[in-house]
Protein backbone atom coordinates (compact mmCIF):
# COMPACT_ATOMS: atom_id res chain seq x y z
CA MET A 1 -5.57 -7.98 -10.66
CA SER A 2 -3.44 -6.64 -7.83
CA LYS A 3 -3.09 -3.04 -6.75
CA ILE A 4 -0.45 -1.33 -4.63
CA ILE A 5 -1.53 0.96 -1.80
CA TYR A 6 0.48 3.30 0.41
CA LYS A 7 -0.18 6.29 2.64
CA ASN A 8 0.69 9.49 0.84
CA GLN A 9 2.46 11.13 3.76
CA SER A 10 3.34 14.21 1.72
CA SER A 11 -0.34 15.14 1.70
CA ASN A 12 -1.94 17.44 4.25
CA ILE A 13 -4.67 14.82 4.67
CA GLN A 14 -3.42 12.22 7.15
CA SER A 15 -5.65 9.45 5.80
CA ASP A 16 -4.79 10.04 2.13
CA ILE A 17 -4.12 6.66 0.51
CA SER A 18 -2.55 6.35 -2.93
CA ILE A 19 -3.42 3.45 -5.21
CA ILE A 20 -1.19 2.20 -8.02
CA THR A 21 -2.71 -0.07 -10.67
CA PRO A 22 0.01 -1.88 -12.65
CA THR A 23 -0.67 -2.05 -16.38
CA PRO A 24 -0.76 -5.38 -18.21
CA GLU A 25 2.25 -4.19 -20.23
CA ALA A 26 4.31 -3.50 -17.10
CA LEU A 27 3.34 -6.90 -15.68
CA GLN A 28 4.83 -8.58 -18.74
CA THR A 29 8.32 -7.47 -17.71
CA MET A 30 8.09 -6.92 -13.92
CA THR A 31 6.38 -8.43 -10.90
CA VAL A 32 3.92 -6.39 -8.85
CA ASP A 33 6.52 -6.18 -6.09
CA GLU A 34 9.16 -4.83 -8.52
CA ILE A 35 6.67 -2.22 -9.73
CA ALA A 36 5.88 -1.24 -6.13
CA LYS A 37 9.53 -0.82 -5.22
CA LYS A 38 10.04 1.33 -8.31
CA ASP A 39 6.87 3.45 -8.14
CA VAL A 40 6.14 3.89 -4.43
CA PRO A 41 8.08 6.91 -3.12
CA THR A 42 11.35 6.14 -1.37
CA GLY A 43 10.85 5.07 2.22
CA PHE A 44 7.05 4.73 2.02
CA ALA A 45 5.65 1.37 3.21
CA TYR A 46 3.19 -0.36 0.88
CA LYS A 47 0.84 -3.31 0.61
CA ILE A 48 -0.15 -5.33 -2.44
CA VAL A 49 -3.88 -6.06 -2.39
CA ASP A 50 -6.53 -7.66 -4.58
CA ASP A 51 -9.04 -5.44 -6.38
CA ASP A 52 -11.79 -6.37 -3.94
CA PHE A 53 -9.82 -4.82 -1.05
CA ILE A 54 -10.33 -1.34 -2.54
CA PRO A 55 -13.69 0.27 -1.67
CA THR A 56 -15.93 0.41 -4.74
CA ASP A 57 -18.19 3.17 -3.44
CA ARG A 58 -16.30 6.35 -4.31
CA THR A 59 -18.65 8.51 -2.19
CA PHE A 60 -16.52 8.08 0.92
CA ARG A 61 -13.23 7.12 -0.70
CA ASN A 62 -11.42 10.08 0.91
CA ALA A 63 -12.49 8.78 4.33
CA TRP A 64 -10.88 5.36 3.74
CA THR A 65 -7.99 4.72 6.13
CA ILE A 66 -5.42 2.02 6.73
CA ASN A 67 -3.15 1.47 9.71
CA ASN A 68 0.59 1.73 9.16
CA ASN A 69 1.04 -1.77 10.62
CA GLU A 70 -1.00 -3.16 7.70
CA LEU A 71 1.47 -1.83 5.10
CA THR A 72 3.78 -4.82 5.40
CA ASP A 73 4.76 -5.89 1.90
CA GLY A 74 7.76 -3.61 1.43
CA VAL A 75 9.13 -0.10 1.16
CA GLY A 76 9.64 2.02 -1.95
CA ASP A 77 13.23 2.33 -3.18
């Protein structure tokens, strides 16, 4: 299953990454890209990734970072 990631720039933590997991119900009527454009905040760049891209060890999840140049799949509407 795919997930949508974007940097939550409204946070005080510069490396804060938000993860959106589309529900099976939503995927019956929309593509992952359509969900991203709808749910990612306006103007925020995002990337659609596979589950295995997301770190599974939650111990250091808040330390996970991504470069802005990797968020290349679109921008929230």
